[in-house]
Amino acid sequence: MKSSVRDKTEGAFHELKGTAKEIAGRLNADPDLEAAGTGEKIAGRAQEKLGQIKKILGK
């Protein structure tokens, strides 16, 4: 699998997992879990963007 495709796929997975943690944190009134979910969601978006950049540059 190409590096760009892998980054986009893993980024989407981390974004989805982060969203789930964020929602679970809100439902359980757990600000630490919600913050962890937000951080993971942002990291997933960044990784997804990295994959898009790699695709454009042809790596």
PDB file of N, CA and C in Angstrom:
ATOM      1  N   MET A   1       0.851  -1.172   0.000  1.00  0.00           N
ATOM      2  CA  MET A   1       0.000   0.000   0.000  1.00  0.00           C
ATOM      3  C   MET A   1       0.900   1.238   0.000  1.00  0.00           C
ATOM      4  N   LYS A   2       0.514   2.221  -0.783  1.00  0.00           N
ATOM      5  CA  LYS A   2       1.292   3.451  -0.842  1.00  0.00           C
ATOM      6  C   LYS A   2       1.215   4.196   0.481  1.00  0.00           C
ATOM      7  N   SER A   3       2.263   4.923   0.741  1.00  0.00           N
ATOM      8  CA  SER A   3       2.355   5.682   1.987  1.00  0.00           C
ATOM      9  C   SER A   3       1.221   6.708   2.104  1.00  0.00           C
ATOM     10  N   SER A   4       0.881   7.347   0.983  1.00  0.00           N
ATOM     11  CA  SER A   4      -0.168   8.368   1.027  1.00  0.00           C
ATOM     12  C   SER A   4      -1.529   7.759   1.335  1.00  0.00           C
ATOM     13  N   VAL A   5      -1.804   6.598   0.767  1.00  0.00           N
ATOM     14  CA  VAL A   5      -3.086   5.929   1.009  1.00  0.00           C
ATOM     15  C   VAL A   5      -3.160   5.456   2.456  1.00  0.00           C
ATOM     16  N   ARG A   6      -2.048   4.924   2.948  1.00  0.00           N
ATOM     17  CA  ARG A   6      -2.013   4.444   4.331  1.00  0.00           C
ATOM     18  C   ARG A   6      -2.233   5.607   5.307  1.00  0.00           C
ATOM     19  N   ASP A   7      -1.584   6.749   5.041  1.00  0.00           N
ATOM     20  CA  ASP A   7      -1.755   7.905   5.917  1.00  0.00           C
ATOM     21  C   ASP A   7      -3.197   8.393   5.911  1.00  0.00           C
ATOM     22  N   LYS A   8      -3.812   8.437   4.746  1.00  0.00           N
ATOM     23  CA  LYS A   8      -5.201   8.898   4.679  1.00  0.00           C
ATOM     24  C   LYS A   8      -6.132   7.935   5.402  1.00  0.00           C
ATOM     25  N   THR A   9      -5.897   6.638   5.231  1.00  0.00           N
ATOM     26  CA  THR A   9      -6.747   5.639   5.885  1.00  0.00           C
ATOM     27  C   THR A   9      -6.582   5.666   7.399  1.00  0.00           C
ATOM     28  N   GLU A  10      -5.334   5.680   7.860  1.00  0.00           N
ATOM     29  CA  GLU A  10      -5.089   5.720   9.305  1.00  0.00           C
ATOM     30  C   GLU A  10      -5.585   7.029   9.909  1.00  0.00           C
ATOM     31  N   GLY A  11      -5.441   8.115   9.175  1.00  0.00           N
ATOM     32  CA  GLY A  11      -5.928   9.405   9.654  1.00  0.00           C
ATOM     33  C   GLY A  11      -7.434   9.406   9.833  1.00  0.00           C
ATOM     34  N   ALA A  12      -8.135   8.822   8.868  1.00  0.00           N
ATOM     35  CA  ALA A  12      -9.597   8.747   8.967  1.00  0.00           C
ATOM     36  C   ALA A  12     -10.006   7.886  10.155  1.00  0.00           C
ATOM     37  N   PHE A  13      -9.275   6.783  10.377  1.00  0.00           N
ATOM     38  CA  PHE A  13      -9.574   5.903  11.510  1.00  0.00           C
ATOM     39  C   PHE A  13      -9.365   6.636  12.835  1.00  0.00           C
ATOM     40  N   HIS A  14      -8.247   7.362  12.946  1.00  0.00           N
ATOM     41  CA  HIS A  14      -7.974   8.095  14.193  1.00  0.00           C
ATOM     42  C   HIS A  14      -8.997   9.211  14.412  1.00  0.00           C
ATOM     43  N   GLU A  15      -9.419   9.837  13.333  1.00  0.00           N
ATOM     44  CA  GLU A  15     -10.428  10.891  13.469  1.00  0.00           C
ATOM     45  C   GLU A  15     -11.750  10.296  13.972  1.00  0.00           C
ATOM     46  N   LEU A  16     -12.121   9.147  13.437  1.00  0.00           N
ATOM     47  CA  LEU A  16     -13.350   8.473  13.869  1.00  0.00           C
ATOM     48  C   LEU A  16     -13.243   8.031  15.325  1.00  0.00           C
ATOM     49  N   LYS A  17     -12.102   7.459  15.685  1.00  0.00           N
ATOM     50  CA  LYS A  17     -11.894   7.008  17.066  1.00  0.00           C
ATOM     51  C   LYS A  17     -11.900   8.198  18.033  1.00  0.00           C
ATOM     52  N   GLY A  18     -11.310   9.308  17.607  1.00  0.00           N
ATOM     53  CA  GLY A  18     -11.304  10.502  18.436  1.00  0.00           C
ATOM     54  C   GLY A  18     -12.693  11.063  18.651  1.00  0.00           C
ATOM     55  N   THR A  19     -13.500  11.035  17.595  1.00  0.00           N
ATOM     56  CA  THR A  19     -14.881  11.499  17.717  1.00  0.00           C
ATOM     57  C   THR A  19     -15.657  10.631  18.706  1.00  0.00           C
ATOM     58  N   ALA A  20     -15.433   9.326  18.641  1.00  0.00           N
ATOM     59  CA  ALA A  20     -16.117   8.415  19.571  1.00  0.00           C
ATOM     60  C   ALA A  20     -15.701   8.695  21.015  1.00  0.00           C
ATOM     61  N   LYS A  21     -14.407   8.918  21.232  1.00  0.00           N
ATOM     62  CA  LYS A  21     -13.931   9.224  22.585  1.00  0.00           C
ATOM     63  C   LYS A  21     -14.501  10.554  23.077  1.00  0.00           C
ATOM     64  N   GLU A  22     -14.553  11.516  22.175  1.00  0.00           N
ATOM     65  CA  GLU A  22     -15.076  12.834  22.529  1.00  0.00           C
ATOM     66  C   GLU A  22     -16.540  12.735  22.965  1.00  0.00           C
ATOM     67  N   ILE A  23     -17.328  11.983  22.224  1.00  0.00           N
ATOM     68  CA  ILE A  23     -18.743  11.809  22.561  1.00  0.00           C
ATOM     69  C   ILE A  23     -18.889  11.041  23.873  1.00  0.00           C
ATOM     70  N   ALA A  24     -18.080   9.984  24.043  1.00  0.00           N
ATOM     71  CA  ALA A  24     -18.136   9.212  25.286  1.00  0.00           C
ATOM     72  C   ALA A  24     -17.757  10.091  26.480  1.00  0.00           C
ATOM     73  N   GLY A  25     -16.798  10.964  26.287  1.00  0.00           N
ATOM     74  CA  GLY A  25     -16.396  11.869  27.364  1.00  0.00           C
ATOM     75  C   GLY A  25     -17.502  12.839  27.735  1.00  0.00           C
ATOM     76  N   ARG A  26     -18.225  13.323  26.721  1.00  0.00           N
ATOM     77  CA  ARG A  26     -19.342  14.230  27.009  1.00  0.00           C
ATOM     78  C   ARG A  26     -20.468  13.498  27.738  1.00  0.00           C
ATOM     79  N   LEU A  27     -20.778  12.280  27.292  1.00  0.00           N
ATOM     80  CA  LEU A  27     -21.874  11.520  27.900  1.00  0.00           C
ATOM     81  C   LEU A  27     -21.570  11.132  29.343  1.00  0.00           C
ATOM     82  N   ASN A  28     -20.304  10.836  29.614  1.00  0.00           N
ATOM     83  CA  ASN A  28     -19.908  10.420  30.963  1.00  0.00           C
ATOM     84  C   ASN A  28     -19.420  11.574  31.825  1.00  0.00           C
ATOM     85  N   ALA A  29     -19.487  12.781  31.303  1.00  0.00           N
ATOM     86  CA  ALA A  29     -19.000  13.977  32.005  1.00  0.00           C
ATOM     87  C   ALA A  29     -17.546  13.796  32.434  1.00  0.00           C
ATOM     88  N   ASP A  30     -16.740  13.267  31.505  1.00  0.00           N
ATOM     89  CA  ASP A  30     -15.317  13.019  31.752  1.00  0.00           C
ATOM     90  C   ASP A  30     -14.502  13.949  30.854  1.00  0.00           C
ATOM     91  N   PRO A  31     -14.065  15.096  31.375  1.00  0.00           N
ATOM     92  CA  PRO A  31     -13.349  16.059  30.543  1.00  0.00           C
ATOM     93  C   PRO A  31     -12.008  15.529  30.025  1.00  0.00           C
ATOM     94  N   ASP A  32     -11.368  14.621  30.766  1.00  0.00           N
ATOM     95  CA  ASP A  32     -10.092  14.060  30.302  1.00  0.00           C
ATOM     96  C   ASP A  32     -10.290  13.203  29.053  1.00  0.00           C
ATOM     97  N   LEU A  33     -11.322  12.374  29.051  1.00  0.00           N
ATOM     98  CA  LEU A  33     -11.613  11.532  27.897  1.00  0.00           C
ATOM     99  C   LEU A  33     -12.036  12.388  26.699  1.00  0.00           C
ATOM    100  N   GLU A  34     -12.817  13.406  26.973  1.00  0.00           N
ATOM    101  CA  GLU A  34     -13.249  14.307  25.896  1.00  0.00           C
ATOM    102  C   GLU A  34     -12.042  15.018  25.283  1.00  0.00           C
ATOM    103  N   ALA A  35     -11.117  15.469  26.112  1.00  0.00           N
ATOM    104  CA  ALA A  35      -9.909  16.143  25.621  1.00  0.00           C
ATOM    105  C   ALA A  35      -9.028  15.183  24.828  1.00  0.00           C
ATOM    106  N   ALA A  36      -8.914  13.947  25.307  1.00  0.00           N
ATOM    107  CA  ALA A  36      -8.128  12.947  24.582  1.00  0.00           C
ATOM    108  C   ALA A  36      -8.745  12.682  23.211  1.00  0.00           C
ATOM    109  N   GLY A  37     -10.058  12.630  23.158  1.00  0.00           N
ATOM    110  CA  GLY A  37     -10.748  12.421  21.891  1.00  0.00           C
ATOM    111  C   GLY A  37     -10.544  13.578  20.935  1.00  0.00           C
ATOM    112  N   THR A  38     -10.585  14.783  21.450  1.00  0.00           N
ATOM    113  CA  THR A  38     -10.367  15.959  20.615  1.00  0.00           C
ATOM    114  C   THR A  38      -8.950  15.954  20.054  1.00  0.00           C
ATOM    115  N   GLY A  39      -7.993  15.619  20.891  1.00  0.00           N
ATOM    116  CA  GLY A  39      -6.598  15.554  20.445  1.00  0.00           C
ATOM    117  C   GLY A  39      -6.390  14.499  19.380  1.00  0.00           C
ATOM    118  N   GLU A  40      -6.991  13.338  19.568  1.00  0.00           N
ATOM    119  CA  GLU A  40      -6.837  12.258  18.597  1.00  0.00           C
ATOM    120  C   GLU A  40      -7.527  12.614  17.279  1.00  0.00           C
ATOM    121  N   LYS A  41      -8.654  13.306  17.375  1.00  0.00           N
ATOM    122  CA  LYS A  41      -9.369  13.726  16.173  1.00  0.00           C
ATOM    123  C   LYS A  41      -8.530  14.711  15.363  1.00  0.00           C
ATOM    124  N   ILE A  42      -7.901  15.651  16.041  1.00  0.00           N
ATOM    125  CA  ILE A  42      -7.050  16.637  15.367  1.00  0.00           C
ATOM    126  C   ILE A  42      -5.829  15.949  14.744  1.00  0.00           C
ATOM    127  N   ALA A  43      -5.239  15.011  15.463  1.00  0.00           N
ATOM    128  CA  ALA A  43      -4.089  14.279  14.930  1.00  0.00           C
ATOM    129  C   ALA A  43      -4.493  13.462  13.706  1.00  0.00           C
ATOM    130  N   GLY A  44      -5.686  12.896  13.731  1.00  0.00           N
ATOM    131  CA  GLY A  44      -6.177  12.142  12.581  1.00  0.00           C
ATOM    132  C   GLY A  44      -6.362  13.027  11.365  1.00  0.00           C
ATOM    133  N   ARG A  45      -6.894  14.215  11.582  1.00  0.00           N
ATOM    134  CA  ARG A  45      -7.056  15.157  10.465  1.00  0.00           C
ATOM    135  C   ARG A  45      -5.706  15.543   9.881  1.00  0.00           C
ATOM    136  N   ALA A  46      -4.727  15.766  10.752  1.00  0.00           N
ATOM    137  CA  ALA A  46      -3.387  16.132  10.293  1.00  0.00           C
ATOM    138  C   ALA A  46      -2.768  15.002   9.478  1.00  0.00           C
ATOM    139  N   GLN A  47      -2.932  13.779   9.939  1.00  0.00           N
ATOM    140  CA  GLN A  47      -2.372  12.636   9.231  1.00  0.00           C
ATOM    141  C   GLN A  47      -3.064  12.461   7.878  1.00  0.00           C
ATOM    142  N   GLU A  48      -4.358  12.704   7.836  1.00  0.00           N
ATOM    143  CA  GLU A  48      -5.103  12.614   6.582  1.00  0.00           C
ATOM    144  C   GLU A  48      -4.592  13.662   5.586  1.00  0.00           C
ATOM    145  N   LYS A  49      -4.365  14.872   6.060  1.00  0.00           N
ATOM    146  CA  LYS A  49      -3.841  15.942   5.205  1.00  0.00           C
ATOM    147  C   LYS A  49      -2.435  15.595   4.712  1.00  0.00           C
ATOM    148  N   LEU A  50      -1.628  14.979   5.568  1.00  0.00           N
ATOM    149  CA  LEU A  50      -0.297  14.554   5.178  1.00  0.00           C
ATOM    150  C   LEU A  50      -0.378  13.561   4.020  1.00  0.00           C
ATOM    151  N   GLY A  51      -1.325  12.644   4.099  1.00  0.00           N
ATOM    152  CA  GLY A  51      -1.526  11.682   3.015  1.00  0.00           C
ATOM    153  C   GLY A  51      -1.915  12.372   1.721  1.00  0.00           C
ATOM    154  N   GLN A  52      -2.746  13.399   1.805  1.00  0.00           N
ATOM    155  CA  GLN A  52      -3.140  14.138   0.607  1.00  0.00           C
ATOM    156  C   GLN A  52      -1.941  14.866   0.010  1.00  0.00           C
ATOM    157  N   ILE A  53      -1.110  15.436   0.859  1.00  0.00           N
ATOM    158  CA  ILE A  53       0.077  16.150   0.379  1.00  0.00           C
ATOM    159  C   ILE A  53       1.046  15.174  -0.288  1.00  0.00           C
ATOM    160  N   LYS A  54       1.234  14.000   0.331  1.00  0.00           N
ATOM    161  CA  LYS A  54       2.115  12.990  -0.259  1.00  0.00           C
ATOM    162  C   LYS A  54       1.607  12.564  -1.628  1.00  0.00           C
ATOM    163  N   LYS A  55       0.292  12.436  -1.776  1.00  0.00           N
ATOM    164  CA  LYS A  55      -0.273  12.040  -3.059  1.00  0.00           C
ATOM    165  C   LYS A  55       0.018  13.100  -4.110  1.00  0.00           C
ATOM    166  N   ILE A  56      -0.128  14.371  -3.736  1.00  0.00           N
ATOM    167  CA  ILE A  56       0.127  15.454  -4.678  1.00  0.00           C
ATOM    168  C   ILE A  56       1.601  15.484  -5.089  1.00  0.00           C
ATOM    169  N   LEU A  57       2.491  15.268  -4.122  1.00  0.00           N
ATOM    170  CA  LEU A  57       3.920  15.303  -4.404  1.00  0.00           C
ATOM    171  C   LEU A  57       4.419  14.014  -5.054  1.00  0.00           C
ATOM    172  N   GLY A  58       3.579  12.984  -5.026  1.00  0.00           N
ATOM    173  CA  GLY A  58       3.939  11.716  -5.671  1.00  0.00           C
ATOM    174  C   GLY A  58       4.850  10.823  -4.874  1.00  0.00           C
ATOM    175  N   LYS A  59       4.758  10.866  -3.572  1.00  0.00           N
ATOM    176  CA  LYS A  59       5.600  10.001  -2.729  1.00  0.00           C
ATOM    177  C   LYS A  59       4.885   8.753  -2.365  1.00  0.00           C
TER     178      LYS A  59
END
